[in-house]
Amino acid sequence: MDRAALAAFLRARREALQPEDVGLPRGRRRRTGGLRREEVAALCDMSADYYSRLEQPRGPSPSEQMVAAIARGLRLSLEERDHLFRLAGHAAPRRVRRADHINPGIMRILDRLEDTPAQVVNHLGETLKQTRLAVALLGDESVFTGRARSLHHRWFTDPASRLVRPESDHAEYSRLLVADLHGAYARDGGTSRTAELVEGLRGTSQEFARLWAERPVLGPSCGPKRFLHPQVGLLELHCQTLVDPDQSQRLQVFTAVPGTESHTNLHLLSVLNA
């Protein structure tokens, strides 16, 4: 680990980021360009003291998970992320087409959607980043580990995951998730993480195995999706999706039609969880 070079790189990238780049107000008291250390620490989901020690440099050797979090927080490109890993004494992650590193452009869009339910998910249904209102709507999906990171896995193995949707919609949503996995399986092949997820579900869920054998195919988007929330009740939301084909990730943005009860309740949810 090259502590001095790591500290210099972190400092340079922090000073290059502007508040507007990450959805923060500039404020009148900000006298210098760039972000403050505590702001970057919050973006990286770590303590300000830990991040500050890395920049000074007198911090501990960060784990691969910490380095990945810093790369996301600083909105690094894949090349910059790999450089950061090497400075921290780790091998750069394999350059597979599907990864957890979010494209900086997608992150910049997400930063500007703080008052909207929005999240970035990958091809396995693993949620990589959520806005505050997405957490309020769907729950904090960053707490899951292993195969449970995948919504596809949770939907067919954990009954609690279905509480967010009306029971009358379950069959349609199950078919949609299976069709989504069929598309990913066709692209990734039989030796991929997608194949491992599919084989695991075929062995544990009869519903999944039955639907998988039917080989459903994703069709065009079909109207709003319904969500059940314990605080505000039923919400009918449209999901607009921005796809990053290089990373096989999707930015999902949930909106309600202005003037509807769902629009009012979505605003109420934002207020309740401010």
C-alpha atoms as a PDB file:
ATOM      1  CA  MET A   1       0.000   0.000   0.000  1.00  0.00           C
ATOM      2  CA  ASP A   2       1.389   3.403  -1.005  1.00  0.00           C
ATOM      3  CA  ARG A   3      -0.101   5.627   1.720  1.00  0.00           C
ATOM      4  CA  ALA A   4       1.284   8.897   0.387  1.00  0.00           C
ATOM      5  CA  ALA A   5       0.146   8.264  -3.188  1.00  0.00           C
ATOM      6  CA  LEU A   6      -3.245   7.036  -1.986  1.00  0.00           C
ATOM      7  CA  ALA A   7      -3.719  10.158   0.129  1.00  0.00           C
ATOM      8  CA  ALA A   8      -2.708  12.445  -2.744  1.00  0.00           C
ATOM      9  CA  PHE A   9      -5.056  10.687  -5.169  1.00  0.00           C
ATOM     10  CA  LEU A  10      -8.011  10.864  -2.771  1.00  0.00           C
ATOM     11  CA  ARG A  11      -7.365  14.539  -2.072  1.00  0.00           C
ATOM     12  CA  ALA A  12      -7.098  15.394  -5.778  1.00  0.00           C
ATOM     13  CA  ARG A  13     -10.342  13.605  -6.632  1.00  0.00           C
ATOM     14  CA  ARG A  14     -12.176  15.151  -3.676  1.00  0.00           C
ATOM     15  CA  GLU A  15     -11.076  18.656  -4.631  1.00  0.00           C
ATOM     16  CA  ALA A  16     -12.129  18.050  -8.248  1.00  0.00           C
ATOM     17  CA  LEU A  17     -15.698  17.172  -7.236  1.00  0.00           C
ATOM     18  CA  GLN A  18     -18.090  20.080  -6.853  1.00  0.00           C
ATOM     19  CA  PRO A  19     -21.180  20.050  -4.598  1.00  0.00           C
ATOM     20  CA  GLU A  20     -23.427  20.276  -7.644  1.00  0.00           C
ATOM     21  CA  ASP A  21     -21.819  17.095  -9.035  1.00  0.00           C
ATOM     22  CA  VAL A  22     -23.235  15.030  -6.186  1.00  0.00           C
ATOM     23  CA  GLY A  23     -26.523  16.847  -5.607  1.00  0.00           C
ATOM     24  CA  LEU A  24     -25.374  18.995  -2.663  1.00  0.00           C
ATOM     25  CA  PRO A  25     -26.081  22.714  -2.250  1.00  0.00           C
ATOM     26  CA  ARG A  26     -23.026  24.939  -2.534  1.00  0.00           C
ATOM     27  CA  GLY A  27     -24.017  27.292   0.269  1.00  0.00           C
ATOM     28  CA  ARG A  28     -22.676  30.784   0.955  1.00  0.00           C
ATOM     29  CA  ARG A  29     -19.978  29.803   3.442  1.00  0.00           C
ATOM     30  CA  ARG A  30     -18.072  27.506   1.076  1.00  0.00           C
ATOM     31  CA  ARG A  31     -14.868  29.417   0.322  1.00  0.00           C
ATOM     32  CA  THR A  32     -12.913  26.761  -1.558  1.00  0.00           C
ATOM     33  CA  GLY A  33     -13.729  24.498  -4.476  1.00  0.00           C
ATOM     34  CA  GLY A  34     -14.319  20.801  -4.113  1.00  0.00           C
ATOM     35  CA  LEU A  35     -16.060  18.786  -1.438  1.00  0.00           C
ATOM     36  CA  ARG A  36     -15.301  18.694   2.261  1.00  0.00           C
ATOM     37  CA  ARG A  37     -13.916  15.504   3.756  1.00  0.00           C
ATOM     38  CA  GLU A  38     -17.036  14.894   5.805  1.00  0.00           C
ATOM     39  CA  GLU A  39     -19.167  15.196   2.652  1.00  0.00           C
ATOM     40  CA  VAL A  40     -17.108  12.584   0.819  1.00  0.00           C
ATOM     41  CA  ALA A  41     -17.211  10.329   3.885  1.00  0.00           C
ATOM     42  CA  ALA A  42     -21.013  10.499   3.868  1.00  0.00           C
ATOM     43  CA  LEU A  43     -21.091   9.643   0.158  1.00  0.00           C
ATOM     44  CA  CYS A  44     -18.859   6.639   0.899  1.00  0.00           C
ATOM     45  CA  ASP A  45     -20.978   5.507   3.887  1.00  0.00           C
ATOM     46  CA  MET A  46     -18.038   5.710   6.299  1.00  0.00           C
ATOM     47  CA  SER A  47     -17.024   7.892   9.228  1.00  0.00           C
ATOM     48  CA  ALA A  48     -15.439  11.270   8.563  1.00  0.00           C
ATOM     49  CA  ASP A  49     -12.566  10.352  10.899  1.00  0.00           C
ATOM     50  CA  TYR A  50     -11.760   7.183   8.944  1.00  0.00           C
ATOM     51  CA  TYR A  51     -11.747   8.991   5.609  1.00  0.00           C
ATOM     52  CA  SER A  52      -9.708  11.903   6.982  1.00  0.00           C
ATOM     53  CA  ARG A  53      -7.008   9.560   8.237  1.00  0.00           C
ATOM     54  CA  LEU A  54      -6.702   8.046   4.763  1.00  0.00           C
ATOM     55  CA  GLU A  55      -6.035  11.497   3.311  1.00  0.00           C
ATOM     56  CA  GLN A  56      -3.542  12.656   5.954  1.00  0.00           C
ATOM     57  CA  PRO A  57      -2.061   9.882   5.439  1.00  0.00           C
ATOM     58  CA  ARG A  58      -2.156   7.880   8.640  1.00  0.00           C
ATOM     59  CA  GLY A  59      -5.132   5.603   8.187  1.00  0.00           C
ATOM     60  CA  PRO A  60      -5.330   1.817   8.227  1.00  0.00           C
ATOM     61  CA  SER A  61      -5.106  -0.249   5.091  1.00  0.00           C
ATOM     62  CA  PRO A  62      -8.642  -0.152   3.647  1.00  0.00           C
ATOM     63  CA  SER A  63     -10.352  -3.402   2.726  1.00  0.00           C
ATOM     64  CA  GLU A  64     -11.492  -4.117  -0.816  1.00  0.00           C
ATOM     65  CA  GLN A  65     -15.060  -3.319   0.272  1.00  0.00           C
ATOM     66  CA  MET A  66     -13.932   0.057   1.622  1.00  0.00           C
ATOM     67  CA  VAL A  67     -12.020   0.844  -1.569  1.00  0.00           C
ATOM     68  CA  ALA A  68     -15.085  -0.022  -3.668  1.00  0.00           C
ATOM     69  CA  ALA A  69     -17.218   2.277  -1.483  1.00  0.00           C
ATOM     70  CA  ILE A  70     -14.708   5.117  -1.888  1.00  0.00           C
ATOM     71  CA  ALA A  71     -14.657   4.619  -5.663  1.00  0.00           C
ATOM     72  CA  ARG A  72     -18.449   4.970  -5.767  1.00  0.00           C
ATOM     73  CA  GLY A  73     -18.458   7.925  -3.382  1.00  0.00           C
ATOM     74  CA  LEU A  74     -15.869   9.825  -5.439  1.00  0.00           C
ATOM     75  CA  ARG A  75     -17.707   8.984  -8.694  1.00  0.00           C
ATOM     76  CA  LEU A  76     -14.592   7.380 -10.204  1.00  0.00           C
ATOM     77  CA  SER A  77     -14.429   5.924 -13.678  1.00  0.00           C
ATOM     78  CA  LEU A  78     -13.475   2.262 -14.046  1.00  0.00           C
ATOM     79  CA  GLU A  79      -9.889   3.243 -14.864  1.00  0.00           C
ATOM     80  CA  GLU A  80      -9.696   5.486 -11.785  1.00  0.00           C
ATOM     81  CA  ARG A  81     -11.264   2.765  -9.652  1.00  0.00           C
ATOM     82  CA  ASP A  82      -8.628   0.246 -10.752  1.00  0.00           C
ATOM     83  CA  HIS A  83      -5.865   2.759  -9.970  1.00  0.00           C
ATOM     84  CA  LEU A  84      -7.342   3.321  -6.501  1.00  0.00           C
ATOM     85  CA  PHE A  85      -7.360  -0.411  -5.799  1.00  0.00           C
ATOM     86  CA  ARG A  86      -3.694  -0.709  -6.729  1.00  0.00           C
ATOM     87  CA  LEU A  87      -2.728   2.283  -4.564  1.00  0.00           C
ATOM     88  CA  ALA A  88      -4.515   0.620  -1.634  1.00  0.00           C
ATOM     89  CA  GLY A  89      -2.520  -2.574  -2.131  1.00  0.00           C
ATOM     90  CA  HIS A  90      -5.223  -4.652  -3.810  1.00  0.00           C
ATOM     91  CA  ALA A  91      -5.455  -6.197  -7.236  1.00  0.00           C
ATOM     92  CA  ALA A  92      -7.836  -4.349  -9.512  1.00  0.00           C
ATOM     93  CA  PRO A  93     -11.219  -6.136  -9.825  1.00  0.00           C
ATOM     94  CA  ARG A  94     -11.686  -8.293 -12.880  1.00  0.00           C
ATOM     95  CA  ARG A  95     -12.988  -6.339 -15.823  1.00  0.00           C
ATOM     96  CA  VAL A  96     -16.157  -8.331 -16.294  1.00  0.00           C
ATOM     97  CA  ARG A  97     -19.007  -6.756 -18.207  1.00  0.00           C
ATOM     98  CA  ARG A  98     -21.260  -6.913 -15.176  1.00  0.00           C
ATOM     99  CA  ALA A  99     -19.973  -5.352 -11.991  1.00  0.00           C
ATOM    100  CA  ASP A 100     -21.082  -3.454  -8.908  1.00  0.00           C
ATOM    101  CA  HIS A 101     -19.215  -0.287  -9.872  1.00  0.00           C
ATOM    102  CA  ILE A 102     -21.765   2.300 -10.967  1.00  0.00           C
ATOM    103  CA  ASN A 103     -21.046   4.425 -14.017  1.00  0.00           C
ATOM    104  CA  PRO A 104     -20.210   8.005 -12.874  1.00  0.00           C
ATOM    105  CA  GLY A 105     -22.805   9.394 -15.288  1.00  0.00           C
ATOM    106  CA  ILE A 106     -25.519   7.237 -13.722  1.00  0.00           C
ATOM    107  CA  MET A 107     -24.372   8.378 -10.281  1.00  0.00           C
ATOM    108  CA  ARG A 108     -24.592  12.042 -11.291  1.00  0.00           C
ATOM    109  CA  ILE A 109     -28.184  11.533 -12.406  1.00  0.00           C
ATOM    110  CA  LEU A 110     -29.038   9.670  -9.206  1.00  0.00           C
ATOM    111  CA  ASP A 111     -27.541  12.492  -7.129  1.00  0.00           C
ATOM    112  CA  ARG A 112     -30.132  14.871  -8.572  1.00  0.00           C
ATOM    113  CA  LEU A 113     -33.061  12.626  -7.703  1.00  0.00           C
ATOM    114  CA  GLU A 114     -32.899  12.804  -3.922  1.00  0.00           C
ATOM    115  CA  ASP A 115     -36.563  13.824  -3.650  1.00  0.00           C
ATOM    116  CA  THR A 116     -37.633  10.942  -5.940  1.00  0.00           C
ATOM    117  CA  PRO A 117     -37.703   7.178  -5.393  1.00  0.00           C
ATOM    118  CA  ALA A 118     -34.834   5.984  -7.570  1.00  0.00           C
ATOM    119  CA  GLN A 119     -32.265   3.206  -7.452  1.00  0.00           C
ATOM    120  CA  VAL A 120     -29.549   1.477  -9.470  1.00  0.00           C
ATOM    121  CA  VAL A 121     -29.888  -2.293  -9.902  1.00  0.00           C
ATOM    122  CA  ASN A 122     -27.841  -4.828 -11.849  1.00  0.00           C
ATOM    123  CA  HIS A 123     -28.896  -7.726 -14.059  1.00  0.00           C
ATOM    124  CA  LEU A 124     -29.367 -10.036 -11.055  1.00  0.00           C
ATOM    125  CA  GLY A 125     -31.768  -7.683  -9.315  1.00  0.00           C
ATOM    126  CA  GLU A 126     -29.116  -6.600  -6.810  1.00  0.00           C
ATOM    127  CA  THR A 127     -29.667  -3.030  -5.635  1.00  0.00           C
ATOM    128  CA  LEU A 128     -26.419  -1.047  -5.732  1.00  0.00           C
ATOM    129  CA  LYS A 129     -27.632   2.389  -4.639  1.00  0.00           C
ATOM    130  CA  GLN A 130     -30.929   3.923  -3.489  1.00  0.00           C
ATOM    131  CA  THR A 131     -32.145   7.432  -2.857  1.00  0.00           C
ATOM    132  CA  ARG A 132     -33.621   8.246   0.535  1.00  0.00           C
ATOM    133  CA  LEU A 133     -37.165   8.053  -0.813  1.00  0.00           C
ATOM    134  CA  ALA A 134     -36.497   4.714  -2.513  1.00  0.00           C
ATOM    135  CA  VAL A 135     -35.473   3.336   0.881  1.00  0.00           C
ATOM    136  CA  ALA A 136     -38.687   4.746   2.363  1.00  0.00           C
ATOM    137  CA  LEU A 137     -40.747   3.119  -0.403  1.00  0.00           C
ATOM    138  CA  LEU A 138     -39.035  -0.258  -0.794  1.00  0.00           C
ATOM    139  CA  GLY A 139     -36.916  -0.663   2.324  1.00  0.00           C
ATOM    140  CA  ASP A 140     -33.124  -0.594   2.642  1.00  0.00           C
ATOM    141  CA  GLU A 141     -31.995  -3.212   0.132  1.00  0.00           C
ATOM    142  CA  SER A 142     -28.295  -2.689   0.908  1.00  0.00           C
ATOM    143  CA  VAL A 143     -28.548  -4.817   4.075  1.00  0.00           C
ATOM    144  CA  PHE A 144     -28.821  -8.138   2.232  1.00  0.00           C
ATOM    145  CA  THR A 145     -25.830 -10.403   1.598  1.00  0.00           C
ATOM    146  CA  GLY A 146     -25.106 -13.459  -0.542  1.00  0.00           C
ATOM    147  CA  ARG A 147     -27.851 -14.610  -2.875  1.00  0.00           C
ATOM    148  CA  ALA A 148     -30.362 -12.615  -0.823  1.00  0.00           C
ATOM    149  CA  ARG A 149     -28.920  -9.448  -2.435  1.00  0.00           C
ATOM    150  CA  SER A 150     -30.972 -10.416  -5.489  1.00  0.00           C
ATOM    151  CA  LEU A 151     -34.622  -9.369  -5.503  1.00  0.00           C
ATOM    152  CA  HIS A 152     -35.238 -12.307  -7.854  1.00  0.00           C
ATOM    153  CA  HIS A 153     -33.953 -14.670  -5.169  1.00  0.00           C
ATOM    154  CA  ARG A 154     -35.822 -13.005  -2.299  1.00  0.00           C
ATOM    155  CA  TRP A 155     -39.123 -12.909  -4.180  1.00  0.00           C
ATOM    156  CA  PHE A 156     -39.179 -16.697  -4.598  1.00  0.00           C
ATOM    157  CA  THR A 157     -37.650 -17.651  -1.235  1.00  0.00           C
ATOM    158  CA  ASP A 158     -38.729 -15.024   1.324  1.00  0.00           C
ATOM    159  CA  PRO A 159     -42.477 -14.356   1.731  1.00  0.00           C
ATOM    160  CA  ALA A 160     -41.731 -11.037   3.457  1.00  0.00           C
ATOM    161  CA  SER A 161     -40.360  -9.656   0.185  1.00  0.00           C
ATOM    162  CA  ARG A 162     -43.846  -9.893  -1.355  1.00  0.00           C
ATOM    163  CA  LEU A 163     -45.531  -7.657   1.196  1.00  0.00           C
ATOM    164  CA  VAL A 164     -44.619  -4.559  -0.820  1.00  0.00           C
ATOM    165  CA  ARG A 165     -46.942  -5.650  -3.665  1.00  0.00           C
ATOM    166  CA  PRO A 166     -50.697  -6.408  -3.635  1.00  0.00           C
ATOM    167  CA  GLU A 167     -51.320 -10.152  -3.605  1.00  0.00           C
ATOM    168  CA  SER A 168     -53.378  -9.941  -6.792  1.00  0.00           C
ATOM    169  CA  ASP A 169     -50.238  -8.714  -8.622  1.00  0.00           C
ATOM    170  CA  HIS A 170     -47.922 -11.497  -7.416  1.00  0.00           C
ATOM    171  CA  ALA A 171     -48.417 -13.916 -10.306  1.00  0.00           C
ATOM    172  CA  GLU A 172     -47.728 -11.261 -12.943  1.00  0.00           C
ATOM    173  CA  TYR A 173     -44.663  -9.982 -11.097  1.00  0.00           C
ATOM    174  CA  SER A 174     -43.284 -13.512 -10.645  1.00  0.00           C
ATOM    175  CA  ARG A 175     -43.523 -14.062 -14.382  1.00  0.00           C
ATOM    176  CA  LEU A 176     -41.820 -10.734 -15.076  1.00  0.00           C
ATOM    177  CA  LEU A 177     -38.860 -11.608 -12.822  1.00  0.00           C
ATOM    178  CA  VAL A 178     -38.432 -15.019 -14.428  1.00  0.00           C
ATOM    179  CA  ALA A 179     -38.532 -13.477 -17.891  1.00  0.00           C
ATOM    180  CA  ASP A 180     -35.890 -10.969 -16.802  1.00  0.00           C
ATOM    181  CA  LEU A 181     -33.619 -13.796 -15.614  1.00  0.00           C
ATOM    182  CA  HIS A 182     -34.177 -15.709 -18.857  1.00  0.00           C
ATOM    183  CA  GLY A 183     -32.856 -12.697 -20.764  1.00  0.00           C
ATOM    184  CA  ALA A 184     -29.812 -12.412 -18.498  1.00  0.00           C
ATOM    185  CA  TYR A 185     -29.164 -16.170 -18.735  1.00  0.00           C
ATOM    186  CA  ALA A 186     -29.238 -16.046 -22.532  1.00  0.00           C
ATOM    187  CA  ARG A 187     -26.595 -13.306 -22.512  1.00  0.00           C
ATOM    188  CA  ASP A 188     -24.361 -14.707 -19.756  1.00  0.00           C
ATOM    189  CA  GLY A 189     -24.354 -18.441 -20.447  1.00  0.00           C
ATOM    190  CA  GLY A 190     -24.309 -21.528 -18.271  1.00  0.00           C
ATOM    191  CA  THR A 191     -21.145 -20.773 -16.275  1.00  0.00           C
ATOM    192  CA  SER A 192     -22.149 -17.327 -15.011  1.00  0.00           C
ATOM    193  CA  ARG A 193     -23.468 -15.928 -11.728  1.00  0.00           C
ATOM    194  CA  THR A 194     -26.832 -15.755 -13.441  1.00  0.00           C
ATOM    195  CA  ALA A 195     -26.714 -19.517 -14.036  1.00  0.00           C
ATOM    196  CA  GLU A 196     -25.840 -20.127 -10.369  1.00  0.00           C
ATOM    197  CA  LEU A 197     -28.800 -18.010  -9.263  1.00  0.00           C
ATOM    198  CA  VAL A 198     -31.149 -19.817 -11.652  1.00  0.00           C
ATOM    199  CA  GLU A 199     -30.042 -23.294 -10.578  1.00  0.00           C
ATOM    200  CA  GLY A 200     -30.418 -22.361  -6.923  1.00  0.00           C
ATOM    201  CA  LEU A 201     -33.957 -21.094  -7.470  1.00  0.00           C
ATOM    202  CA  ARG A 202     -34.973 -24.112  -9.536  1.00  0.00           C
ATOM    203  CA  GLY A 203     -33.983 -26.298  -6.607  1.00  0.00           C
ATOM    204  CA  THR A 204     -35.740 -24.291  -3.888  1.00  0.00           C
ATOM    205  CA  SER A 205     -38.866 -22.807  -5.482  1.00  0.00           C
ATOM    206  CA  GLN A 206     -41.488 -24.883  -7.295  1.00  0.00           C
ATOM    207  CA  GLU A 207     -43.116 -21.710  -8.575  1.00  0.00           C
ATOM    208  CA  PHE A 208     -39.852 -20.537 -10.104  1.00  0.00           C
ATOM    209  CA  ALA A 209     -39.120 -23.964 -11.632  1.00  0.00           C
ATOM    210  CA  ARG A 210     -42.589 -24.070 -13.231  1.00  0.00           C
ATOM    211  CA  LEU A 211     -42.302 -20.559 -14.672  1.00  0.00           C
ATOM    212  CA  TRP A 212     -38.727 -21.138 -15.834  1.00  0.00           C
ATOM    213  CA  ALA A 213     -39.874 -24.155 -17.861  1.00  0.00           C
ATOM    214  CA  GLU A 214     -42.448 -21.954 -19.589  1.00  0.00           C
ATOM    215  CA  ARG A 215     -39.646 -19.684 -20.886  1.00  0.00           C
ATOM    216  CA  PRO A 216     -41.476 -16.322 -20.594  1.00  0.00           C
ATOM    217  CA  VAL A 217     -40.119 -13.381 -22.568  1.00  0.00           C
ATOM    218  CA  LEU A 218     -40.161  -9.756 -21.468  1.00  0.00           C
ATOM    219  CA  GLY A 219     -42.648  -7.650 -23.361  1.00  0.00           C
ATOM    220  CA  PRO A 220     -43.065  -3.867 -23.561  1.00  0.00           C
ATOM    221  CA  SER A 221     -43.670  -1.840 -20.424  1.00  0.00           C
ATOM    222  CA  CYS A 222     -47.308  -2.083 -19.428  1.00  0.00           C
ATOM    223  CA  GLY A 223     -48.579   0.741 -17.282  1.00  0.00           C
ATOM    224  CA  PRO A 224     -48.066   1.553 -13.628  1.00  0.00           C
ATOM    225  CA  LYS A 225     -46.904  -0.870 -10.958  1.00  0.00           C
ATOM    226  CA  ARG A 226     -48.717  -1.071  -7.631  1.00  0.00           C
ATOM    227  CA  PHE A 227     -46.999  -0.911  -4.251  1.00  0.00           C
ATOM    228  CA  LEU A 228     -48.416  -1.415  -0.760  1.00  0.00           C
ATOM    229  CA  HIS A 229     -46.837   0.778   1.898  1.00  0.00           C
ATOM    230  CA  PRO A 230     -47.592   0.457   5.638  1.00  0.00           C
ATOM    231  CA  GLN A 231     -47.639   4.248   6.131  1.00  0.00           C
ATOM    232  CA  VAL A 232     -49.447   5.613   3.068  1.00  0.00           C
ATOM    233  CA  GLY A 233     -51.270   2.618   1.600  1.00  0.00           C
ATOM    234  CA  LEU A 234     -51.580   1.736  -2.089  1.00  0.00           C
ATOM    235  CA  LEU A 235     -49.397   3.590  -4.622  1.00  0.00           C
ATOM    236  CA  GLU A 236     -49.612   3.341  -8.410  1.00  0.00           C
ATOM    237  CA  LEU A 237     -46.210   4.337  -9.790  1.00  0.00           C
ATOM    238  CA  HIS A 238     -44.628   4.380 -13.221  1.00  0.00           C
ATOM    239  CA  CYS A 239     -41.065   3.087 -13.446  1.00  0.00           C
ATOM    240  CA  GLN A 240     -38.868   4.830 -16.010  1.00  0.00           C
ATOM    241  CA  THR A 241     -35.609   2.990 -16.666  1.00  0.00           C
ATOM    242  CA  LEU A 242     -32.238   4.204 -17.954  1.00  0.00           C
ATOM    243  CA  VAL A 243     -30.002   1.313 -19.051  1.00  0.00           C
ATOM    244  CA  ASP A 244     -26.198   1.244 -18.965  1.00  0.00           C
ATOM    245  CA  PRO A 245     -25.408  -1.595 -21.411  1.00  0.00           C
ATOM    246  CA  ASP A 246     -21.687  -1.707 -20.554  1.00  0.00           C
ATOM    247  CA  GLN A 247     -22.342  -2.474 -16.904  1.00  0.00           C
ATOM    248  CA  SER A 248     -25.732  -4.160 -17.415  1.00  0.00           C
ATOM    249  CA  GLN A 249     -27.189  -1.852 -14.800  1.00  0.00           C
ATOM    250  CA  ARG A 250     -30.471   0.022 -14.718  1.00  0.00           C
ATOM    251  CA  LEU A 251     -31.398   3.302 -13.112  1.00  0.00           C
ATOM    252  CA  GLN A 252     -35.036   2.961 -12.055  1.00  0.00           C
ATOM    253  CA  VAL A 253     -37.054   6.098 -11.308  1.00  0.00           C
ATOM    254  CA  PHE A 254     -40.530   5.787  -9.780  1.00  0.00           C
ATOM    255  CA  THR A 255     -43.034   8.581 -10.420  1.00  0.00           C
ATOM    256  CA  ALA A 256     -46.744   9.197  -9.885  1.00  0.00           C
ATOM    257  CA  VAL A 257     -49.139  11.069 -12.161  1.00  0.00           C
ATOM    258  CA  PRO A 258     -49.649  14.618 -10.786  1.00  0.00           C
ATOM    259  CA  GLY A 259     -53.066  15.194  -9.297  1.00  0.00           C
ATOM    260  CA  THR A 260     -53.660  11.561  -8.382  1.00  0.00           C
ATOM    261  CA  GLU A 261     -53.989  10.085  -4.908  1.00  0.00           C
ATOM    262  CA  SER A 262     -50.729   8.231  -5.464  1.00  0.00           C
ATOM    263  CA  HIS A 263     -48.949  11.524  -6.165  1.00  0.00           C
ATOM    264  CA  THR A 264     -50.307  12.972  -2.921  1.00  0.00           C
ATOM    265  CA  ASN A 265     -49.347   9.877  -0.952  1.00  0.00           C
ATOM    266  CA  LEU A 266     -45.858   9.790  -2.445  1.00  0.00           C
ATOM    267  CA  HIS A 267     -45.342  13.370  -1.274  1.00  0.00           C
ATOM    268  CA  LEU A 268     -46.686  12.379   2.142  1.00  0.00           C
ATOM    269  CA  LEU A 269     -44.179   9.508   2.278  1.00  0.00           C
ATOM    270  CA  SER A 270     -41.377  11.979   1.553  1.00  0.00           C
ATOM    271  CA  VAL A 271     -42.524  14.236   4.389  1.00  0.00           C
ATOM    272  CA  LEU A 272     -42.904  11.354   6.853  1.00  0.00           C
ATOM    273  CA  ASN A 273     -39.383  10.124   6.114  1.00  0.00           C
ATOM    274  CA  ALA A 274     -37.618  13.482   5.857  1.00  0.00           C
END
